[in-house]
Amino acid sequence: MSVGTMVVNGAVALLLAPMFDGIARKIRAIIHSRKGPPITQPYIDILKLLGKEDLRCTASVVFRFAPTIALASFLVVALLTPMGASPSTGVPGDMVTWIYFLTLGASAIIILAAASGNPFAQSGAAREIMMLLSVEPIVVAALITAAVKSESMRLTDMMAWNLANGPSVSMVSAGIAFLLALQAAMGKLPFDIPEAESEIVDGPLVELSGPNLATVKLALLIRQLVYCFLLVQIFVPWPALSPWPLSVIAALVKVLILFGLAAVIEAVSPRLRIDQSMVYMSRVLFVALAALTFAVIGV
């Protein structure tokens, strides 16, 4: 990957992730007939938290450094995610690296919650594990489908193959499975079970404050963004625009549409119970595995 592309990916992740969340919050407010906060509210929240005192409920080293590990992990994921018609990363198996760092970031948040000693945080950590184990297999199955079709484990090769060959049964099915799991991957209603403010008062984040809370919130916003970018770039890469900045803008528009769709679903959906969520995810996983089967047989 060129240095320029790395800078653009990092800048998009750090600077635009809060803006997309602000737009989603504004859409939810409009649906609920409220004025709502300004689009810049996530930036304001993060900056205010960075200026607050860093209060800690424990002297644990894990609790201190886990937020930084989570943010760094999701930033690496952002650097590996194609944003526009970017050049190849040069990493032979960057799909594996992408999944590894995505899981590492989620694991850091889980360990952080467990180390806090707060029962609400620990309950949230347990729920986060359940969601991780139900959502990530769907994402992995969808990516393996793309890898089988493109005969490569490079994310940009998968995107290039789909651009060159057009839709296929397996890729469309994998994209649908990814889309059906996206709301849960983004941690939004009806799948915000790990945080569930009305039940476990923000779950894994309940004991965080100040800069640590700002770091984790920014990390989670970046995770939402990279999930959306991966979906639109691997499974809906059309149209292929040139020069490169135009392809980045086109990808941002598609990501904005996904955030808008997620906001509408969030605004009109009640939270699911854990068992209902697991049943739903098992059905989506079946679609993802069917797409992988289609890819193996060449459909």
C-alpha atoms as a PDB file:
ATOM      1  CA  MET A   1       0.000   0.000   0.000  1.00  0.00           C
ATOM      2  CA  SER A   2       1.343   3.449  -0.855  1.00  0.00           C
ATOM      3  CA  VAL A   3       2.010   5.948   1.904  1.00  0.00           C
ATOM      4  CA  GLY A   4      -0.572   8.290   0.347  1.00  0.00           C
ATOM      5  CA  THR A   5      -3.298   5.655   0.503  1.00  0.00           C
ATOM      6  CA  MET A   6      -2.433   4.855   4.119  1.00  0.00           C
ATOM      7  CA  VAL A   7      -2.702   8.543   5.009  1.00  0.00           C
ATOM      8  CA  VAL A   8      -6.087   8.842   3.253  1.00  0.00           C
ATOM      9  CA  ASN A   9      -7.459   5.685   4.904  1.00  0.00           C
ATOM     10  CA  GLY A  10      -6.283   6.801   8.335  1.00  0.00           C
ATOM     11  CA  ALA A  11      -7.649  10.321   7.838  1.00  0.00           C
ATOM     12  CA  VAL A  12     -11.027   9.016   6.630  1.00  0.00           C
ATOM     13  CA  ALA A  13     -11.287   6.682   9.631  1.00  0.00           C
ATOM     14  CA  LEU A  14     -10.284   9.248  12.246  1.00  0.00           C
ATOM     15  CA  LEU A  15     -11.945  12.354  10.834  1.00  0.00           C
ATOM     16  CA  LEU A  16     -15.102  11.077   9.136  1.00  0.00           C
ATOM     17  CA  ALA A  17     -16.245   8.258  11.437  1.00  0.00           C
ATOM     18  CA  PRO A  18     -17.742  10.725  13.972  1.00  0.00           C
ATOM     19  CA  MET A  19     -19.417  12.686  11.168  1.00  0.00           C
ATOM     20  CA  PHE A  20     -21.233   9.608   9.845  1.00  0.00           C
ATOM     21  CA  ASP A  21     -22.431   8.867  13.366  1.00  0.00           C
ATOM     22  CA  GLY A  22     -23.615  12.465  13.689  1.00  0.00           C
ATOM     23  CA  ILE A  23     -25.594  12.151  10.457  1.00  0.00           C
ATOM     24  CA  ALA A  24     -27.156   8.907  11.687  1.00  0.00           C
ATOM     25  CA  ARG A  25     -28.155  10.581  14.960  1.00  0.00           C
ATOM     26  CA  LYS A  26     -29.751  13.449  13.045  1.00  0.00           C
ATOM     27  CA  ILE A  27     -31.745  10.988  10.897  1.00  0.00           C
ATOM     28  CA  ARG A  28     -33.000   9.200  14.016  1.00  0.00           C
ATOM     29  CA  ALA A  29     -34.052  12.519  15.507  1.00  0.00           C
ATOM     30  CA  ILE A  30     -35.997  13.475  12.377  1.00  0.00           C
ATOM     31  CA  ILE A  31     -37.831  10.131  12.407  1.00  0.00           C
ATOM     32  CA  HIS A  32     -38.719  10.711  16.080  1.00  0.00           C
ATOM     33  CA  SER A  33     -39.938  14.264  15.270  1.00  0.00           C
ATOM     34  CA  ARG A  34     -37.118  15.845  17.258  1.00  0.00           C
ATOM     35  CA  LYS A  35     -34.628  18.537  16.322  1.00  0.00           C
ATOM     36  CA  GLY A  36     -31.753  16.377  17.526  1.00  0.00           C
ATOM     37  CA  PRO A  37     -28.103  17.270  18.106  1.00  0.00           C
ATOM     38  CA  PRO A  38     -25.964  18.882  15.397  1.00  0.00           C
ATOM     39  CA  ILE A  39     -24.033  16.606  13.047  1.00  0.00           C
ATOM     40  CA  THR A  40     -20.853  17.744  14.794  1.00  0.00           C
ATOM     41  CA  GLN A  41     -22.032  16.458  18.197  1.00  0.00           C
ATOM     42  CA  PRO A  42     -19.821  13.307  18.174  1.00  0.00           C
ATOM     43  CA  TYR A  43     -16.752  15.519  17.621  1.00  0.00           C
ATOM     44  CA  ILE A  44     -17.840  17.748  20.502  1.00  0.00           C
ATOM     45  CA  ASP A  45     -18.409  14.739  22.781  1.00  0.00           C
ATOM     46  CA  ILE A  46     -15.001  13.241  22.025  1.00  0.00           C
ATOM     47  CA  LEU A  47     -13.173  16.552  22.492  1.00  0.00           C
ATOM     48  CA  LYS A  48     -14.960  17.217  25.791  1.00  0.00           C
ATOM     49  CA  LEU A  49     -14.107  13.742  27.080  1.00  0.00           C
ATOM     50  CA  LEU A  50     -10.452  14.215  26.133  1.00  0.00           C
ATOM     51  CA  GLY A  51     -10.385  17.265  28.407  1.00  0.00           C
ATOM     52  CA  LYS A  52     -11.951  15.464  31.378  1.00  0.00           C
ATOM     53  CA  GLU A  53     -10.145  13.858  34.274  1.00  0.00           C
ATOM     54  CA  ASP A  54      -9.157  10.225  33.699  1.00  0.00           C
ATOM     55  CA  LEU A  55     -10.829   8.412  36.612  1.00  0.00           C
ATOM     56  CA  ARG A  56     -10.143   4.694  36.983  1.00  0.00           C
ATOM     57  CA  CYS A  57     -11.947   2.138  39.085  1.00  0.00           C
ATOM     58  CA  THR A  58      -8.891  -0.144  39.190  1.00  0.00           C
ATOM     59  CA  ALA A  59      -5.126   0.094  38.945  1.00  0.00           C
ATOM     60  CA  SER A  60      -5.057  -2.779  36.456  1.00  0.00           C
ATOM     61  CA  VAL A  61      -2.624  -2.307  33.575  1.00  0.00           C
ATOM     62  CA  VAL A  62      -5.164  -3.977  31.298  1.00  0.00           C
ATOM     63  CA  PHE A  63      -7.814  -1.389  32.162  1.00  0.00           C
ATOM     64  CA  ARG A  64      -5.321   1.395  31.455  1.00  0.00           C
ATOM     65  CA  PHE A  65      -4.031   0.297  28.059  1.00  0.00           C
ATOM     66  CA  ALA A  66      -6.928  -1.701  26.566  1.00  0.00           C
ATOM     67  CA  PRO A  67      -8.634   1.406  25.081  1.00  0.00           C
ATOM     68  CA  THR A  68      -5.447   2.345  23.230  1.00  0.00           C
ATOM     69  CA  ILE A  69      -5.062  -1.222  21.942  1.00  0.00           C
ATOM     70  CA  ALA A  70      -8.664  -1.210  20.708  1.00  0.00           C
ATOM     71  CA  LEU A  71      -8.227   2.090  18.860  1.00  0.00           C
ATOM     72  CA  ALA A  72      -4.886   1.043  17.358  1.00  0.00           C
ATOM     73  CA  SER A  73      -6.341  -2.296  16.214  1.00  0.00           C
ATOM     74  CA  PHE A  74      -9.323  -0.722  14.466  1.00  0.00           C
ATOM     75  CA  LEU A  75      -7.034   1.860  12.850  1.00  0.00           C
ATOM     76  CA  VAL A  76      -4.947  -0.983  11.397  1.00  0.00           C
ATOM     77  CA  VAL A  77      -8.185  -2.520  10.101  1.00  0.00           C
ATOM     78  CA  ALA A  78      -9.008   0.832   8.473  1.00  0.00           C
ATOM     79  CA  LEU A  79      -5.588   0.926   6.789  1.00  0.00           C
ATOM     80  CA  LEU A  80      -6.212  -2.529   5.316  1.00  0.00           C
ATOM     81  CA  THR A  81      -9.759  -1.760   4.136  1.00  0.00           C
ATOM     82  CA  PRO A  82     -10.092  -0.662   0.489  1.00  0.00           C
ATOM     83  CA  MET A  83     -11.504   2.848   0.355  1.00  0.00           C
ATOM     84  CA  GLY A  84     -11.964   3.564  -3.329  1.00  0.00           C
ATOM     85  CA  ALA A  85      -9.927   1.870  -6.055  1.00  0.00           C
ATOM     86  CA  SER A  86      -6.845   1.761  -3.847  1.00  0.00           C
ATOM     87  CA  PRO A  87      -3.685  -0.123  -4.839  1.00  0.00           C
ATOM     88  CA  SER A  88      -2.907  -3.545  -3.430  1.00  0.00           C
ATOM     89  CA  THR A  89      -1.672  -3.561   0.153  1.00  0.00           C
ATOM     90  CA  GLY A  90       1.194  -5.850  -0.753  1.00  0.00           C
ATOM     91  CA  VAL A  91       0.205  -8.177   2.107  1.00  0.00           C
ATOM     92  CA  PRO A  92      -0.393 -11.687   0.661  1.00  0.00           C
ATOM     93  CA  GLY A  93      -3.163 -12.542   3.148  1.00  0.00           C
ATOM     94  CA  ASP A  94      -4.510  -9.219   4.289  1.00  0.00           C
ATOM     95  CA  MET A  95      -7.977 -10.753   4.724  1.00  0.00           C
ATOM     96  CA  VAL A  96      -6.562 -12.809   7.590  1.00  0.00           C
ATOM     97  CA  THR A  97      -4.800  -9.739   8.995  1.00  0.00           C
ATOM     98  CA  TRP A  98      -8.028  -7.734   8.708  1.00  0.00           C
ATOM     99  CA  ILE A  99      -9.981 -10.358  10.667  1.00  0.00           C
ATOM    100  CA  TYR A 100      -7.174 -10.717  13.228  1.00  0.00           C
ATOM    101  CA  PHE A 101      -6.975  -7.027  14.116  1.00  0.00           C
ATOM    102  CA  LEU A 102     -10.758  -6.669  14.093  1.00  0.00           C
ATOM    103  CA  THR A 103     -10.984  -9.487  16.634  1.00  0.00           C
ATOM    104  CA  LEU A 104      -8.061  -8.065  18.629  1.00  0.00           C
ATOM    105  CA  GLY A 105      -9.845  -4.714  18.992  1.00  0.00           C
ATOM    106  CA  ALA A 106     -13.077  -6.366  20.107  1.00  0.00           C
ATOM    107  CA  SER A 107     -11.156  -8.596  22.521  1.00  0.00           C
ATOM    108  CA  ALA A 108      -9.452  -5.543  24.051  1.00  0.00           C
ATOM    109  CA  ILE A 109     -12.861  -4.043  24.856  1.00  0.00           C
ATOM    110  CA  ILE A 110     -14.063  -7.347  26.321  1.00  0.00           C
ATOM    111  CA  ILE A 111     -10.963  -7.706  28.519  1.00  0.00           C
ATOM    112  CA  LEU A 112     -11.264  -4.056  29.544  1.00  0.00           C
ATOM    113  CA  ALA A 113     -14.819  -4.642  30.766  1.00  0.00           C
ATOM    114  CA  ALA A 114     -13.854  -7.818  32.602  1.00  0.00           C
ATOM    115  CA  ALA A 115     -10.940  -6.063  34.321  1.00  0.00           C
ATOM    116  CA  SER A 116     -13.168  -3.270  35.653  1.00  0.00           C
ATOM    117  CA  GLY A 117     -14.805  -5.553  38.201  1.00  0.00           C
ATOM    118  CA  ASN A 118     -18.191  -3.928  37.609  1.00  0.00           C
ATOM    119  CA  PRO A 119     -20.991  -6.530  37.241  1.00  0.00           C
ATOM    120  CA  PHE A 120     -22.722  -4.449  34.562  1.00  0.00           C
ATOM    121  CA  ALA A 121     -19.478  -4.211  32.582  1.00  0.00           C
ATOM    122  CA  GLN A 122     -18.844  -7.928  32.971  1.00  0.00           C
ATOM    123  CA  SER A 123     -22.369  -8.705  31.818  1.00  0.00           C
ATOM    124  CA  GLY A 124     -21.741  -6.461  28.813  1.00  0.00           C
ATOM    125  CA  ALA A 125     -18.468  -8.277  28.132  1.00  0.00           C
ATOM    126  CA  ALA A 126     -20.271 -11.622  28.131  1.00  0.00           C
ATOM    127  CA  ARG A 127     -22.843 -10.247  25.702  1.00  0.00           C
ATOM    128  CA  GLU A 128     -20.084  -8.782  23.519  1.00  0.00           C
ATOM    129  CA  ILE A 129     -18.505 -12.246  23.292  1.00  0.00           C
ATOM    130  CA  MET A 130     -21.828 -13.746  22.237  1.00  0.00           C
ATOM    131  CA  MET A 131     -22.334 -11.111  19.551  1.00  0.00           C
ATOM    132  CA  LEU A 132     -18.746 -11.474  18.361  1.00  0.00           C
ATOM    133  CA  LEU A 133     -19.134 -15.239  18.015  1.00  0.00           C
ATOM    134  CA  SER A 134     -22.410 -14.834  16.111  1.00  0.00           C
ATOM    135  CA  VAL A 135     -21.492 -11.940  13.793  1.00  0.00           C
ATOM    136  CA  GLU A 136     -17.875 -12.629  12.849  1.00  0.00           C
ATOM    137  CA  PRO A 137     -18.519 -16.102  11.361  1.00  0.00           C
ATOM    138  CA  ILE A 138     -20.945 -14.433   8.930  1.00  0.00           C
ATOM    139  CA  VAL A 139     -18.383 -11.810   7.936  1.00  0.00           C
ATOM    140  CA  VAL A 140     -15.647 -14.438   7.632  1.00  0.00           C
ATOM    141  CA  ALA A 141     -17.844 -16.716   5.502  1.00  0.00           C
ATOM    142  CA  ALA A 142     -18.681 -13.780   3.207  1.00  0.00           C
ATOM    143  CA  LEU A 143     -14.986 -12.891   2.838  1.00  0.00           C
ATOM    144  CA  ILE A 144     -13.992 -16.504   2.183  1.00  0.00           C
ATOM    145  CA  THR A 145     -16.642 -16.586  -0.551  1.00  0.00           C
ATOM    146  CA  ALA A 146     -14.981 -13.558  -2.170  1.00  0.00           C
ATOM    147  CA  ALA A 147     -11.560 -15.160  -1.697  1.00  0.00           C
ATOM    148  CA  VAL A 148     -12.694 -18.360  -3.421  1.00  0.00           C
ATOM    149  CA  LYS A 149     -14.121 -16.421  -6.375  1.00  0.00           C
ATOM    150  CA  SER A 150     -11.055 -14.195  -6.782  1.00  0.00           C
ATOM    151  CA  GLU A 151      -8.565 -16.958  -5.879  1.00  0.00           C
ATOM    152  CA  SER A 152      -6.816 -14.464  -3.625  1.00  0.00           C
ATOM    153  CA  MET A 153      -6.851 -13.479   0.039  1.00  0.00           C
ATOM    154  CA  ARG A 154      -6.126  -9.841  -0.770  1.00  0.00           C
ATOM    155  CA  LEU A 155      -9.097  -7.570  -0.216  1.00  0.00           C
ATOM    156  CA  THR A 156      -8.265  -5.415  -3.230  1.00  0.00           C
ATOM    157  CA  ASP A 157      -8.056  -8.521  -5.445  1.00  0.00           C
ATOM    158  CA  MET A 158     -11.556  -9.473  -4.313  1.00  0.00           C
ATOM    159  CA  MET A 159     -12.794  -6.010  -5.197  1.00  0.00           C
ATOM    160  CA  ALA A 160     -11.007  -6.091  -8.574  1.00  0.00           C
ATOM    161  CA  TRP A 161     -12.498  -9.507  -9.406  1.00  0.00           C
ATOM    162  CA  ASN A 162     -16.037  -8.318  -8.677  1.00  0.00           C
ATOM    163  CA  LEU A 163     -15.485  -5.193 -10.767  1.00  0.00           C
ATOM    164  CA  ALA A 164     -14.166  -7.235 -13.690  1.00  0.00           C
ATOM    165  CA  ASN A 165     -16.678 -10.110 -13.602  1.00  0.00           C
ATOM    166  CA  GLY A 166     -19.853  -8.515 -12.328  1.00  0.00           C
ATOM    167  CA  PRO A 167     -22.456 -10.013  -9.944  1.00  0.00           C
ATOM    168  CA  SER A 168     -22.604 -13.753  -9.370  1.00  0.00           C
ATOM    169  CA  VAL A 169     -24.980 -15.878  -7.315  1.00  0.00           C
ATOM    170  CA  SER A 170     -22.381 -16.562  -4.631  1.00  0.00           C
ATOM    171  CA  MET A 171     -21.151 -12.968  -4.308  1.00  0.00           C
ATOM    172  CA  VAL A 172     -24.677 -11.549  -4.231  1.00  0.00           C
ATOM    173  CA  SER A 173     -25.684 -14.080  -1.571  1.00  0.00           C
ATOM    174  CA  ALA A 174     -22.578 -13.309   0.477  1.00  0.00           C
ATOM    175  CA  GLY A 175     -23.257  -9.586   0.187  1.00  0.00           C
ATOM    176  CA  ILE A 176     -26.852 -10.078   1.348  1.00  0.00           C
ATOM    177  CA  ALA A 177     -25.653 -12.083   4.362  1.00  0.00           C
ATOM    178  CA  PHE A 178     -23.119  -9.363   5.199  1.00  0.00           C
ATOM    179  CA  LEU A 179     -25.830  -6.700   4.879  1.00  0.00           C
ATOM    180  CA  LEU A 180     -28.215  -8.631   7.124  1.00  0.00           C
ATOM    181  CA  ALA A 181     -25.485  -8.880   9.785  1.00  0.00           C
ATOM    182  CA  LEU A 182     -24.316  -5.270   9.397  1.00  0.00           C
ATOM    183  CA  GLN A 183     -26.718  -3.784  11.965  1.00  0.00           C
ATOM    184  CA  ALA A 184     -25.354  -6.142  14.605  1.00  0.00           C
ATOM    185  CA  ALA A 185     -21.752  -5.612  13.483  1.00  0.00           C
ATOM    186  CA  MET A 186     -22.264  -1.856  13.959  1.00  0.00           C
ATOM    187  CA  GLY A 187     -23.746  -2.416  17.425  1.00  0.00           C
ATOM    188  CA  LYS A 188     -26.999  -0.613  16.656  1.00  0.00           C
ATOM    189  CA  LEU A 189     -30.607  -1.368  17.596  1.00  0.00           C
ATOM    190  CA  PRO A 190     -32.071  -3.923  17.614  1.00  0.00           C
ATOM    191  CA  PHE A 191     -28.673  -5.519  18.301  1.00  0.00           C
ATOM    192  CA  ASP A 192     -27.107  -3.097  20.806  1.00  0.00           C
ATOM    193  CA  ILE A 193     -27.333  -5.896  23.359  1.00  0.00           C
ATOM    194  CA  PRO A 194     -23.781  -5.536  24.800  1.00  0.00           C
ATOM    195  CA  GLU A 195     -24.344  -1.887  25.799  1.00  0.00           C
ATOM    196  CA  ALA A 196     -28.139  -1.815  26.375  1.00  0.00           C
ATOM    197  CA  GLU A 197     -28.274   1.453  28.332  1.00  0.00           C
ATOM    198  CA  SER A 198     -31.676   0.710  29.885  1.00  0.00           C
ATOM    199  CA  GLU A 199     -30.553  -2.720  31.117  1.00  0.00           C
ATOM    200  CA  ILE A 200     -26.828  -2.683  31.901  1.00  0.00           C
ATOM    201  CA  VAL A 201     -26.106   1.064  31.654  1.00  0.00           C
ATOM    202  CA  ASP A 202     -23.661   0.967  28.717  1.00  0.00           C
ATOM    203  CA  GLY A 203     -22.179  -2.413  29.628  1.00  0.00           C
ATOM    204  CA  PRO A 204     -18.446  -2.557  28.799  1.00  0.00           C
ATOM    205  CA  LEU A 205     -18.174   1.256  28.872  1.00  0.00           C
ATOM    206  CA  VAL A 206     -19.822   1.849  32.258  1.00  0.00           C
ATOM    207  CA  GLU A 207     -16.577   2.354  34.232  1.00  0.00           C
ATOM    208  CA  LEU A 208     -14.779   4.413  31.566  1.00  0.00           C
ATOM    209  CA  SER A 209     -14.376   8.162  31.794  1.00  0.00           C
ATOM    210  CA  GLY A 210     -12.444  10.994  30.228  1.00  0.00           C
ATOM    211  CA  PRO A 211      -9.784  10.179  27.609  1.00  0.00           C
ATOM    212  CA  ASN A 212     -10.258   6.411  27.941  1.00  0.00           C
ATOM    213  CA  LEU A 213     -13.971   6.712  27.180  1.00  0.00           C
ATOM    214  CA  ALA A 214     -13.223   9.040  24.242  1.00  0.00           C
ATOM    215  CA  THR A 215     -10.685   6.529  22.904  1.00  0.00           C
ATOM    216  CA  VAL A 216     -13.100   3.597  23.064  1.00  0.00           C
ATOM    217  CA  LYS A 217     -15.969   5.599  21.553  1.00  0.00           C
ATOM    218  CA  LEU A 218     -13.765   6.666  18.648  1.00  0.00           C
ATOM    219  CA  ALA A 219     -12.583   3.073  18.204  1.00  0.00           C
ATOM    220  CA  LEU A 220     -16.184   1.837  18.002  1.00  0.00           C
ATOM    221  CA  LEU A 221     -17.071   4.532  15.470  1.00  0.00           C
ATOM    222  CA  ILE A 222     -14.107   3.487  13.311  1.00  0.00           C
ATOM    223  CA  ARG A 223     -15.242  -0.149  13.537  1.00  0.00           C
ATOM    224  CA  GLN A 224     -18.684   0.838  12.230  1.00  0.00           C
ATOM    225  CA  LEU A 225     -17.100   2.695   9.331  1.00  0.00           C
ATOM    226  CA  VAL A 226     -14.754  -0.107   8.237  1.00  0.00           C
ATOM    227  CA  TYR A 227     -17.557  -2.674   8.271  1.00  0.00           C
ATOM    228  CA  CYS A 228     -19.554  -0.445   5.916  1.00  0.00           C
ATOM    229  CA  PHE A 229     -16.553   0.225   3.676  1.00  0.00           C
ATOM    230  CA  LEU A 230     -15.774  -3.483   3.409  1.00  0.00           C
ATOM    231  CA  LEU A 231     -19.349  -4.287   2.396  1.00  0.00           C
ATOM    232  CA  VAL A 232     -19.593  -1.640  -0.323  1.00  0.00           C
ATOM    233  CA  GLN A 233     -16.070  -2.157  -1.662  1.00  0.00           C
ATOM    234  CA  ILE A 234     -15.974  -5.948  -1.859  1.00  0.00           C
ATOM    235  CA  PHE A 235     -19.596  -6.762  -2.659  1.00  0.00           C
ATOM    236  CA  VAL A 236     -20.908  -3.551  -4.294  1.00  0.00           C
ATOM    237  CA  PRO A 237     -17.783  -1.995  -5.898  1.00  0.00           C
ATOM    238  CA  TRP A 238     -19.614  -0.474  -8.872  1.00  0.00           C
ATOM    239  CA  PRO A 239     -19.219   1.967 -10.503  1.00  0.00           C
ATOM    240  CA  ALA A 240     -15.445   2.031 -11.019  1.00  0.00           C
ATOM    241  CA  LEU A 241     -14.612   5.731 -11.193  1.00  0.00           C
ATOM    242  CA  SER A 242     -11.342   7.362 -12.184  1.00  0.00           C
ATOM    243  CA  PRO A 243      -9.250   9.130 -10.981  1.00  0.00           C
ATOM    244  CA  TRP A 244      -8.817   7.654  -7.510  1.00  0.00           C
ATOM    245  CA  PRO A 245     -10.330  10.550  -5.477  1.00  0.00           C
ATOM    246  CA  LEU A 246     -13.628  10.109  -7.334  1.00  0.00           C
ATOM    247  CA  SER A 247     -13.752   6.439  -6.356  1.00  0.00           C
ATOM    248  CA  VAL A 248     -13.208   7.416  -2.715  1.00  0.00           C
ATOM    249  CA  ILE A 249     -16.090   9.920  -2.915  1.00  0.00           C
ATOM    250  CA  ALA A 250     -18.342   7.284  -4.519  1.00  0.00           C
ATOM    251  CA  ALA A 251     -17.484   4.838  -1.742  1.00  0.00           C
ATOM    252  CA  LEU A 252     -18.244   7.490   0.896  1.00  0.00           C
ATOM    253  CA  VAL A 253     -21.670   8.092  -0.671  1.00  0.00           C
ATOM    254  CA  LYS A 254     -22.454   4.369  -0.532  1.00  0.00           C
ATOM    255  CA  VAL A 255     -21.264   4.205   3.089  1.00  0.00           C
ATOM    256  CA  LEU A 256     -23.476   7.191   3.909  1.00  0.00           C
ATOM    257  CA  ILE A 257     -26.471   5.313   2.455  1.00  0.00           C
ATOM    258  CA  LEU A 258     -25.680   2.349   4.721  1.00  0.00           C
ATOM    259  CA  PHE A 259     -25.451   4.615   7.770  1.00  0.00           C
ATOM    260  CA  GLY A 260     -28.779   6.168   6.807  1.00  0.00           C
ATOM    261  CA  LEU A 261     -30.392   2.733   6.455  1.00  0.00           C
ATOM    262  CA  ALA A 262     -28.938   1.663   9.809  1.00  0.00           C
ATOM    263  CA  ALA A 263     -30.283   4.833  11.431  1.00  0.00           C
ATOM    264  CA  VAL A 264     -33.802   4.191  10.089  1.00  0.00           C
ATOM    265  CA  ILE A 265     -33.749   0.601  11.353  1.00  0.00           C
ATOM    266  CA  GLU A 266     -32.440   1.784  14.720  1.00  0.00           C
ATOM    267  CA  ALA A 267     -35.156   4.406  15.014  1.00  0.00           C
ATOM    268  CA  VAL A 268     -38.062   2.016  14.439  1.00  0.00           C
ATOM    269  CA  SER A 269     -36.791  -1.188  16.080  1.00  0.00           C
ATOM    270  CA  PRO A 270     -37.019  -2.353  19.706  1.00  0.00           C
ATOM    271  CA  ARG A 271     -34.061  -4.195  21.190  1.00  0.00           C
ATOM    272  CA  LEU A 272     -34.087  -7.949  20.638  1.00  0.00           C
ATOM    273  CA  ARG A 273     -33.539 -10.438  23.416  1.00  0.00           C
ATOM    274  CA  ILE A 274     -30.295 -12.378  23.305  1.00  0.00           C
ATOM    275  CA  ASP A 275     -32.019 -15.609  22.269  1.00  0.00           C
ATOM    276  CA  GLN A 276     -33.896 -13.801  19.469  1.00  0.00           C
ATOM    277  CA  SER A 277     -30.630 -12.312  18.233  1.00  0.00           C
ATOM    278  CA  MET A 278     -28.924 -15.710  18.209  1.00  0.00           C
ATOM    279  CA  VAL A 279     -31.770 -17.259  16.190  1.00  0.00           C
ATOM    280  CA  TYR A 280     -31.606 -14.412  13.673  1.00  0.00           C
ATOM    281  CA  MET A 281     -27.822 -14.709  13.334  1.00  0.00           C
ATOM    282  CA  SER A 282     -28.019 -18.476  12.841  1.00  0.00           C
ATOM    283  CA  ARG A 283     -30.340 -17.933   9.887  1.00  0.00           C
ATOM    284  CA  VAL A 284     -28.060 -15.282   8.394  1.00  0.00           C
ATOM    285  CA  LEU A 285     -25.093 -17.621   8.867  1.00  0.00           C
ATOM    286  CA  PHE A 286     -26.985 -20.223   6.838  1.00  0.00           C
ATOM    287  CA  VAL A 287     -27.233 -17.696   3.977  1.00  0.00           C
ATOM    288  CA  ALA A 288     -23.508 -16.953   4.257  1.00  0.00           C
ATOM    289  CA  LEU A 289     -22.608 -20.657   4.206  1.00  0.00           C
ATOM    290  CA  ALA A 290     -24.919 -21.183   1.224  1.00  0.00           C
ATOM    291  CA  ALA A 291     -23.045 -18.402  -0.592  1.00  0.00           C
ATOM    292  CA  LEU A 292     -19.737 -20.112   0.217  1.00  0.00           C
ATOM    293  CA  THR A 293     -21.110 -23.401  -1.110  1.00  0.00           C
ATOM    294  CA  PHE A 294     -22.159 -21.672  -4.343  1.00  0.00           C
ATOM    295  CA  ALA A 295     -18.642 -20.203  -4.668  1.00  0.00           C
ATOM    296  CA  VAL A 296     -16.985 -23.607  -4.199  1.00  0.00           C
ATOM    297  CA  ILE A 297     -19.111 -25.165  -6.954  1.00  0.00           C
ATOM    298  CA  GLY A 298     -18.387 -22.202  -9.206  1.00  0.00           C
ATOM    299  CA  VAL A 299     -21.743 -20.431  -9.282  1.00  0.00           C
END
